[in-house]
């Protein structure tokens, strides 16, 4: 029994199986895979945190602007109050529609149908621009979520090939010969999953949140279009 223990101890001491040691001992290809997956994971978490904060801020701004819009204050007065503020979300939609409205009235260059069409185009364009801001960088999460497991698998396959090469070179099937290479290979797979799983979960959640915010943008654009159309009809009837 003592002989077996004594023979195992040198082997365990010869191969440090910590994560850092597995990285240092890995082949340069496997190292490149590990580093790439680590950087991808960091980038994904940066996007996740930034988007979560941006969506929370967008919801707060929508709630605040909804209160102002539902107060019954004249649209012109609301526009005068917000026109010099940074424009985003519902405020950007409202300001864009009011600028088209005021510009057309100042020039007296459009009939009712033409003005309504232009207001609708301006609103749709602004919704598209705001939607693009919300969805920006979400593609990174989708790409990492779908590609990271395969990149990790590539590192695993390469590491196992090296392990079998070590077996052939040593002319030994001892576990001590093959274990370090297999451990390095499996570590690459683990890093791939570490990058992919949060990316997939976050992409699904953030895409859902973005879709709900964009739906509120579109609903608000319809409200603004209807209100301005009513004012235009009232002016024509007057």
C-alpha atoms as a PDB file:
ATOM      1  CA  UNK A   1       0.000   0.000   0.000  1.00  0.00           C
ATOM      2  CA  UNK A   2       2.824   2.390   0.860  1.00  0.00           C
ATOM      3  CA  UNK A   3       4.463   1.662  -2.481  1.00  0.00           C
ATOM      4  CA  UNK A   4       1.295   2.620  -4.394  1.00  0.00           C
ATOM      5  CA  UNK A   5       0.877   5.865  -2.446  1.00  0.00           C
ATOM      6  CA  UNK A   6       4.519   6.777  -2.933  1.00  0.00           C
ATOM      7  CA  UNK A   7       4.218   6.185  -6.698  1.00  0.00           C
ATOM      8  CA  UNK A   8       1.090   8.360  -6.992  1.00  0.00           C
ATOM      9  CA  UNK A   9       2.425  11.326  -5.019  1.00  0.00           C
ATOM     10  CA  UNK A  10       5.234  12.245  -7.485  1.00  0.00           C
ATOM     11  CA  UNK A  11       2.727  12.118 -10.359  1.00  0.00           C
ATOM     12  CA  UNK A  12       0.283  14.434  -8.564  1.00  0.00           C
ATOM     13  CA  UNK A  13       3.089  16.809  -7.714  1.00  0.00           C
ATOM     14  CA  UNK A  14       4.381  16.792 -11.288  1.00  0.00           C
ATOM     15  CA  UNK A  15       1.100  18.008 -12.753  1.00  0.00           C
ATOM     16  CA  UNK A  16      -0.551  21.061 -11.227  1.00  0.00           C
ATOM     17  CA  UNK A  17      -4.243  20.766 -12.167  1.00  0.00           C
ATOM     18  CA  UNK A  18      -5.308  24.269 -11.139  1.00  0.00           C
ATOM     19  CA  UNK A  19      -7.079  26.382 -13.785  1.00  0.00           C
ATOM     20  CA  UNK A  20      -4.133  28.720 -14.190  1.00  0.00           C
ATOM     21  CA  UNK A  21      -1.729  25.815 -14.534  1.00  0.00           C
ATOM     22  CA  UNK A  22      -3.976  24.166 -17.130  1.00  0.00           C
ATOM     23  CA  UNK A  23      -3.888  27.377 -19.146  1.00  0.00           C
ATOM     24  CA  UNK A  24      -0.103  27.795 -18.861  1.00  0.00           C
ATOM     25  CA  UNK A  25       0.576  24.172 -19.794  1.00  0.00           C
ATOM     26  CA  UNK A  26      -1.826  24.172 -22.750  1.00  0.00           C
ATOM     27  CA  UNK A  27      -0.828  24.149 -26.396  1.00  0.00           C
ATOM     28  CA  UNK A  28      -0.771  27.611 -28.071  1.00  0.00           C
ATOM     29  CA  UNK A  29      -3.903  26.764 -30.083  1.00  0.00           C
ATOM     30  CA  UNK A  30      -5.811  25.802 -26.951  1.00  0.00           C
ATOM     31  CA  UNK A  31      -4.462  28.909 -25.200  1.00  0.00           C
ATOM     32  CA  UNK A  32      -5.773  31.061 -28.048  1.00  0.00           C
ATOM     33  CA  UNK A  33      -9.184  29.428 -27.753  1.00  0.00           C
ATOM     34  CA  UNK A  34      -9.235  29.968 -23.992  1.00  0.00           C
ATOM     35  CA  UNK A  35      -8.227  33.627 -24.263  1.00  0.00           C
ATOM     36  CA  UNK A  36     -10.757  34.262 -27.018  1.00  0.00           C
ATOM     37  CA  UNK A  37     -13.556  32.725 -24.968  1.00  0.00           C
ATOM     38  CA  UNK A  38     -12.494  34.661 -21.872  1.00  0.00           C
ATOM     39  CA  UNK A  39     -12.532  37.980 -23.764  1.00  0.00           C
ATOM     40  CA  UNK A  40     -15.899  37.070 -25.337  1.00  0.00           C
ATOM     41  CA  UNK A  41     -17.334  36.369 -21.897  1.00  0.00           C
ATOM     42  CA  UNK A  42     -16.074  39.721 -20.560  1.00  0.00           C
ATOM     43  CA  UNK A  43     -17.509  41.546 -23.596  1.00  0.00           C
ATOM     44  CA  UNK A  44     -20.874  39.811 -23.126  1.00  0.00           C
ATOM     45  CA  UNK A  45     -21.076  40.812 -19.486  1.00  0.00           C
ATOM     46  CA  UNK A  46     -20.224  44.398 -20.414  1.00  0.00           C
ATOM     47  CA  UNK A  47     -23.101  44.408 -22.935  1.00  0.00           C
ATOM     48  CA  UNK A  48     -25.469  42.764 -20.456  1.00  0.00           C
ATOM     49  CA  UNK A  49     -24.785  45.316 -17.721  1.00  0.00           C
ATOM     50  CA  UNK A  50     -24.926  48.281 -20.129  1.00  0.00           C
ATOM     51  CA  UNK A  51     -28.181  47.125 -21.736  1.00  0.00           C
ATOM     52  CA  UNK A  52     -29.866  46.323 -18.425  1.00  0.00           C
ATOM     53  CA  UNK A  53     -29.052  49.839 -17.209  1.00  0.00           C
ATOM     54  CA  UNK A  54     -30.162  51.435 -20.502  1.00  0.00           C
ATOM     55  CA  UNK A  55     -33.482  49.582 -20.535  1.00  0.00           C
ATOM     56  CA  UNK A  56     -34.174  50.502 -16.917  1.00  0.00           C
ATOM     57  CA  UNK A  57     -33.499  54.152 -17.736  1.00  0.00           C
ATOM     58  CA  UNK A  58     -35.716  53.946 -20.837  1.00  0.00           C
ATOM     59  CA  UNK A  59     -38.600  52.574 -18.769  1.00  0.00           C
ATOM     60  CA  UNK A  60     -38.197  55.362 -16.205  1.00  0.00           C
ATOM     61  CA  UNK A  61     -38.178  58.018 -18.929  1.00  0.00           C
ATOM     62  CA  UNK A  62     -41.247  56.548 -20.606  1.00  0.00           C
ATOM     63  CA  UNK A  63     -43.121  56.526 -17.312  1.00  0.00           C
ATOM     64  CA  UNK A  64     -42.145  60.136 -16.633  1.00  0.00           C
ATOM     65  CA  UNK A  65     -43.055  61.353 -20.120  1.00  0.00           C
ATOM     66  CA  UNK A  66     -46.349  59.451 -20.070  1.00  0.00           C
ATOM     67  CA  UNK A  67     -47.343  61.395 -16.958  1.00  0.00           C
ATOM     68  CA  UNK A  68     -46.601  64.695 -18.708  1.00  0.00           C
ATOM     69  CA  UNK A  69     -48.360  63.651 -21.895  1.00  0.00           C
ATOM     70  CA  UNK A  70     -51.461  62.478 -20.046  1.00  0.00           C
ATOM     71  CA  UNK A  71     -51.719  65.660 -17.964  1.00  0.00           C
ATOM     72  CA  UNK A  72     -53.888  67.396 -20.565  1.00  0.00           C
ATOM     73  CA  UNK A  73     -51.342  70.151 -21.160  1.00  0.00           C
ATOM     74  CA  UNK A  74     -51.401  71.540 -24.742  1.00  0.00           C
ATOM     75  CA  UNK A  75     -49.010  69.763 -27.081  1.00  0.00           C
ATOM     76  CA  UNK A  76     -47.306  73.026 -28.009  1.00  0.00           C
ATOM     77  CA  UNK A  77     -46.602  73.802 -24.366  1.00  0.00           C
ATOM     78  CA  UNK A  78     -45.130  70.332 -23.810  1.00  0.00           C
ATOM     79  CA  UNK A  79     -42.902  70.733 -26.850  1.00  0.00           C
ATOM     80  CA  UNK A  80     -41.704  74.167 -25.693  1.00  0.00           C
ATOM     81  CA  UNK A  81     -40.737  72.625 -22.352  1.00  0.00           C
ATOM     82  CA  UNK A  82     -38.745  69.682 -23.770  1.00  0.00           C
ATOM     83  CA  UNK A  83     -37.359  70.972 -27.075  1.00  0.00           C
ATOM     84  CA  UNK A  84     -33.966  71.911 -25.618  1.00  0.00           C
ATOM     85  CA  UNK A  85     -33.508  68.707 -23.625  1.00  0.00           C
ATOM     86  CA  UNK A  86     -31.525  65.664 -24.824  1.00  0.00           C
ATOM     87  CA  UNK A  87     -33.853  63.651 -27.018  1.00  0.00           C
ATOM     88  CA  UNK A  88     -34.438  59.958 -26.593  1.00  0.00           C
ATOM     89  CA  UNK A  89     -37.337  57.590 -26.260  1.00  0.00           C
ATOM     90  CA  UNK A  90     -40.822  59.067 -26.224  1.00  0.00           C
ATOM     91  CA  UNK A  91     -39.434  62.608 -26.019  1.00  0.00           C
ATOM     92  CA  UNK A  92     -37.577  62.095 -29.309  1.00  0.00           C
ATOM     93  CA  UNK A  93     -40.747  60.811 -30.988  1.00  0.00           C
ATOM     94  CA  UNK A  94     -42.854  63.684 -29.740  1.00  0.00           C
ATOM     95  CA  UNK A  95     -40.267  66.338 -30.617  1.00  0.00           C
ATOM     96  CA  UNK A  96     -39.825  64.969 -34.149  1.00  0.00           C
ATOM     97  CA  UNK A  97     -43.587  65.012 -34.789  1.00  0.00           C
ATOM     98  CA  UNK A  98     -44.009  68.517 -33.370  1.00  0.00           C
ATOM     99  CA  UNK A  99     -41.115  69.893 -35.417  1.00  0.00           C
ATOM    100  CA  UNK A 100     -42.718  68.587 -38.601  1.00  0.00           C
ATOM    101  CA  UNK A 101     -46.054  69.999 -37.463  1.00  0.00           C
ATOM    102  CA  UNK A 102     -44.624  73.444 -36.670  1.00  0.00           C
ATOM    103  CA  UNK A 103     -42.506  73.557 -39.816  1.00  0.00           C
ATOM    104  CA  UNK A 104     -45.445  72.736 -42.052  1.00  0.00           C
ATOM    105  CA  UNK A 105     -47.646  75.338 -40.366  1.00  0.00           C
ATOM    106  CA  UNK A 106     -44.958  77.998 -40.607  1.00  0.00           C
ATOM    107  CA  UNK A 107     -44.495  77.443 -44.333  1.00  0.00           C
ATOM    108  CA  UNK A 108     -48.188  76.806 -45.110  1.00  0.00           C
ATOM    109  CA  UNK A 109     -46.902  74.504 -47.798  1.00  0.00           C
ATOM    110  CA  UNK A 110     -48.892  71.328 -47.292  1.00  0.00           C
ATOM    111  CA  UNK A 111     -52.458  70.143 -47.422  1.00  0.00           C
ATOM    112  CA  UNK A 112     -53.912  68.073 -44.596  1.00  0.00           C
ATOM    113  CA  UNK A 113     -53.236  64.688 -46.204  1.00  0.00           C
ATOM    114  CA  UNK A 114     -49.654  65.574 -47.028  1.00  0.00           C
ATOM    115  CA  UNK A 115     -48.959  66.817 -43.505  1.00  0.00           C
ATOM    116  CA  UNK A 116     -50.436  63.691 -41.938  1.00  0.00           C
ATOM    117  CA  UNK A 117     -48.323  61.506 -44.221  1.00  0.00           C
ATOM    118  CA  UNK A 118     -45.146  63.393 -43.365  1.00  0.00           C
ATOM    119  CA  UNK A 119     -45.830  63.218 -39.638  1.00  0.00           C
ATOM    120  CA  UNK A 120     -46.350  59.458 -39.951  1.00  0.00           C
ATOM    121  CA  UNK A 121     -43.080  59.078 -41.867  1.00  0.00           C
ATOM    122  CA  UNK A 122     -41.188  61.162 -39.295  1.00  0.00           C
ATOM    123  CA  UNK A 123     -42.609  59.082 -36.452  1.00  0.00           C
ATOM    124  CA  UNK A 124     -41.792  55.779 -38.161  1.00  0.00           C
ATOM    125  CA  UNK A 125     -38.250  56.934 -38.898  1.00  0.00           C
ATOM    126  CA  UNK A 126     -37.716  58.037 -35.303  1.00  0.00           C
ATOM    127  CA  UNK A 127     -39.121  54.763 -33.955  1.00  0.00           C
ATOM    128  CA  UNK A 128     -36.697  52.879 -36.191  1.00  0.00           C
ATOM    129  CA  UNK A 129     -33.767  54.995 -34.958  1.00  0.00           C
ATOM    130  CA  UNK A 130     -34.692  54.506 -31.297  1.00  0.00           C
ATOM    131  CA  UNK A 131     -35.206  50.783 -31.876  1.00  0.00           C
ATOM    132  CA  UNK A 132     -31.757  50.510 -33.434  1.00  0.00           C
ATOM    133  CA  UNK A 133     -30.253  52.096 -30.313  1.00  0.00           C
ATOM    134  CA  UNK A 134     -32.044  49.584 -28.099  1.00  0.00           C
ATOM    135  CA  UNK A 135     -30.960  46.571 -30.152  1.00  0.00           C
ATOM    136  CA  UNK A 136     -27.364  47.698 -30.690  1.00  0.00           C
ATOM    137  CA  UNK A 137     -24.775  45.102 -29.561  1.00  0.00           C
ATOM    138  CA  UNK A 138     -27.410  42.442 -28.845  1.00  0.00           C
ATOM    139  CA  UNK A 139     -26.028  40.620 -31.870  1.00  0.00           C
ATOM    140  CA  UNK A 140     -22.806  40.026 -29.928  1.00  0.00           C
ATOM    141  CA  UNK A 141     -24.740  38.038 -27.333  1.00  0.00           C
ATOM    142  CA  UNK A 142     -26.426  35.964 -30.026  1.00  0.00           C
ATOM    143  CA  UNK A 143     -23.119  35.295 -31.778  1.00  0.00           C
ATOM    144  CA  UNK A 144     -21.278  34.300 -28.607  1.00  0.00           C
ATOM    145  CA  UNK A 145     -24.207  32.190 -27.426  1.00  0.00           C
ATOM    146  CA  UNK A 146     -24.268  30.186 -30.643  1.00  0.00           C
ATOM    147  CA  UNK A 147     -20.542  30.063 -31.483  1.00  0.00           C
ATOM    148  CA  UNK A 148     -18.796  29.767 -28.093  1.00  0.00           C
ATOM    149  CA  UNK A 149     -19.676  26.076 -27.471  1.00  0.00           C
ATOM    150  CA  UNK A 150     -18.275  25.118 -30.878  1.00  0.00           C
ATOM    151  CA  UNK A 151     -15.129  27.172 -30.355  1.00  0.00           C
ATOM    152  CA  UNK A 152     -14.678  25.475 -26.985  1.00  0.00           C
ATOM    153  CA  UNK A 153     -15.278  22.115 -28.652  1.00  0.00           C
ATOM    154  CA  UNK A 154     -12.565  22.915 -31.184  1.00  0.00           C
ATOM    155  CA  UNK A 155     -10.150  23.574 -28.309  1.00  0.00           C
ATOM    156  CA  UNK A 156     -11.215  20.299 -26.708  1.00  0.00           C
ATOM    157  CA  UNK A 157     -10.662  18.275 -29.870  1.00  0.00           C
ATOM    158  CA  UNK A 158      -7.262  19.885 -30.386  1.00  0.00           C
ATOM    159  CA  UNK A 159      -6.273  19.205 -26.785  1.00  0.00           C
ATOM    160  CA  UNK A 160      -7.335  15.558 -26.990  1.00  0.00           C
ATOM    161  CA  UNK A 161      -5.338  15.166 -30.200  1.00  0.00           C
ATOM    162  CA  UNK A 162      -2.307  16.459 -28.302  1.00  0.00           C
ATOM    163  CA  UNK A 163      -3.052  14.018 -25.471  1.00  0.00           C
ATOM    164  CA  UNK A 164      -3.071  11.071 -27.854  1.00  0.00           C
ATOM    165  CA  UNK A 165       0.119  12.360 -29.452  1.00  0.00           C
ATOM    166  CA  UNK A 166       1.692  12.357 -25.980  1.00  0.00           C
ATOM    167  CA  UNK A 167       0.583   8.769 -25.482  1.00  0.00           C
ATOM    168  CA  UNK A 168       2.207   7.752 -28.759  1.00  0.00           C
ATOM    169  CA  UNK A 169       5.421   9.638 -27.987  1.00  0.00           C
ATOM    170  CA  UNK A 170       5.700   8.192 -24.477  1.00  0.00           C
ATOM    171  CA  UNK A 171       4.654   4.728 -25.679  1.00  0.00           C
ATOM    172  CA  UNK A 172       2.544   4.499 -22.553  1.00  0.00           C
ATOM    173  CA  UNK A 173      -1.174   4.440 -21.852  1.00  0.00           C
ATOM    174  CA  UNK A 174      -0.657   5.623 -18.297  1.00  0.00           C
ATOM    175  CA  UNK A 175      -3.304   8.060 -17.059  1.00  0.00           C
ATOM    176  CA  UNK A 176      -0.509  10.314 -15.836  1.00  0.00           C
ATOM    177  CA  UNK A 177       0.555  10.845 -19.471  1.00  0.00           C
ATOM    178  CA  UNK A 178      -2.873  11.619 -20.917  1.00  0.00           C
ATOM    179  CA  UNK A 179      -4.599  13.318 -17.949  1.00  0.00           C
ATOM    180  CA  UNK A 180      -3.036  16.813 -18.265  1.00  0.00           C
ATOM    181  CA  UNK A 181      -3.885  17.089 -21.967  1.00  0.00           C
ATOM    182  CA  UNK A 182      -7.460  15.907 -21.441  1.00  0.00           C
ATOM    183  CA  UNK A 183      -7.905  18.290 -18.511  1.00  0.00           C
ATOM    184  CA  UNK A 184      -6.695  21.214 -20.633  1.00  0.00           C
ATOM    185  CA  UNK A 185      -9.067  20.171 -23.411  1.00  0.00           C
ATOM    186  CA  UNK A 186     -12.060  19.935 -21.101  1.00  0.00           C
ATOM    187  CA  UNK A 187     -11.158  23.298 -19.591  1.00  0.00           C
ATOM    188  CA  UNK A 188     -11.611  24.831 -23.060  1.00  0.00           C
ATOM    189  CA  UNK A 189     -15.099  23.306 -23.247  1.00  0.00           C
ATOM    190  CA  UNK A 190     -15.938  24.666 -19.815  1.00  0.00           C
ATOM    191  CA  UNK A 191     -14.884  28.171 -20.872  1.00  0.00           C
ATOM    192  CA  UNK A 192     -17.030  27.875 -23.990  1.00  0.00           C
ATOM    193  CA  UNK A 193     -20.075  27.018 -21.897  1.00  0.00           C
ATOM    194  CA  UNK A 194     -19.179  29.733 -19.392  1.00  0.00           C
ATOM    195  CA  UNK A 195     -19.348  32.287 -22.199  1.00  0.00           C
ATOM    196  CA  UNK A 196     -22.344  30.825 -24.038  1.00  0.00           C
ATOM    197  CA  UNK A 197     -24.861  30.133 -21.256  1.00  0.00           C
ATOM    198  CA  UNK A 198     -25.089  33.698 -19.835  1.00  0.00           C
ATOM    199  CA  UNK A 199     -25.039  35.109 -23.375  1.00  0.00           C
ATOM    200  CA  UNK A 200     -28.018  33.013 -24.484  1.00  0.00           C
ATOM    201  CA  UNK A 201     -30.046  33.701 -21.334  1.00  0.00           C
ATOM    202  CA  UNK A 202     -29.287  37.433 -21.448  1.00  0.00           C
ATOM    203  CA  UNK A 203     -30.022  37.673 -25.183  1.00  0.00           C
ATOM    204  CA  UNK A 204     -33.469  36.130 -24.743  1.00  0.00           C
ATOM    205  CA  UNK A 205     -34.278  38.381 -21.770  1.00  0.00           C
ATOM    206  CA  UNK A 206     -32.922  41.585 -23.287  1.00  0.00           C
ATOM    207  CA  UNK A 207     -34.546  40.916 -26.666  1.00  0.00           C
ATOM    208  CA  UNK A 208     -37.887  40.487 -24.910  1.00  0.00           C
ATOM    209  CA  UNK A 209     -37.378  43.713 -22.950  1.00  0.00           C
ATOM    210  CA  UNK A 210     -36.370  45.574 -26.117  1.00  0.00           C
ATOM    211  CA  UNK A 211     -39.439  44.291 -27.941  1.00  0.00           C
ATOM    212  CA  UNK A 212     -41.741  45.548 -25.194  1.00  0.00           C
ATOM    213  CA  UNK A 213     -40.115  49.001 -25.175  1.00  0.00           C
ATOM    214  CA  UNK A 214     -40.311  49.243 -28.973  1.00  0.00           C
ATOM    215  CA  UNK A 215     -43.991  48.259 -28.839  1.00  0.00           C
ATOM    216  CA  UNK A 216     -44.561  51.165 -26.447  1.00  0.00           C
ATOM    217  CA  UNK A 217     -42.743  53.484 -28.854  1.00  0.00           C
ATOM    218  CA  UNK A 218     -45.015  52.377 -31.681  1.00  0.00           C
ATOM    219  CA  UNK A 219     -48.143  52.778 -29.572  1.00  0.00           C
ATOM    220  CA  UNK A 220     -47.068  56.263 -28.513  1.00  0.00           C
ATOM    221  CA  UNK A 221     -46.356  57.211 -32.135  1.00  0.00           C
ATOM    222  CA  UNK A 222     -49.905  56.184 -33.009  1.00  0.00           C
ATOM    223  CA  UNK A 223     -51.260  58.335 -30.159  1.00  0.00           C
ATOM    224  CA  UNK A 224     -49.306  61.393 -31.298  1.00  0.00           C
ATOM    225  CA  UNK A 225     -50.381  60.853 -34.902  1.00  0.00           C
ATOM    226  CA  UNK A 226     -54.035  60.624 -33.886  1.00  0.00           C
ATOM    227  CA  UNK A 227     -53.898  63.753 -31.715  1.00  0.00           C
ATOM    228  CA  UNK A 228     -52.232  65.839 -34.401  1.00  0.00           C
ATOM    229  CA  UNK A 229     -54.649  64.506 -36.995  1.00  0.00           C
ATOM    230  CA  UNK A 230     -57.557  65.615 -34.825  1.00  0.00           C
ATOM    231  CA  UNK A 231     -56.070  69.097 -34.467  1.00  0.00           C
ATOM    232  CA  UNK A 232     -55.569  69.261 -38.205  1.00  0.00           C
ATOM    233  CA  UNK A 233     -59.189  68.245 -38.845  1.00  0.00           C
ATOM    234  CA  UNK A 234     -60.414  70.781 -36.304  1.00  0.00           C
ATOM    235  CA  UNK A 235     -58.397  73.509 -38.012  1.00  0.00           C
ATOM    236  CA  UNK A 236     -59.821  72.512 -41.416  1.00  0.00           C
ATOM    237  CA  UNK A 237     -63.388  72.485 -40.131  1.00  0.00           C
ATOM    238  CA  UNK A 238     -62.816  75.800 -38.422  1.00  0.00           C
END
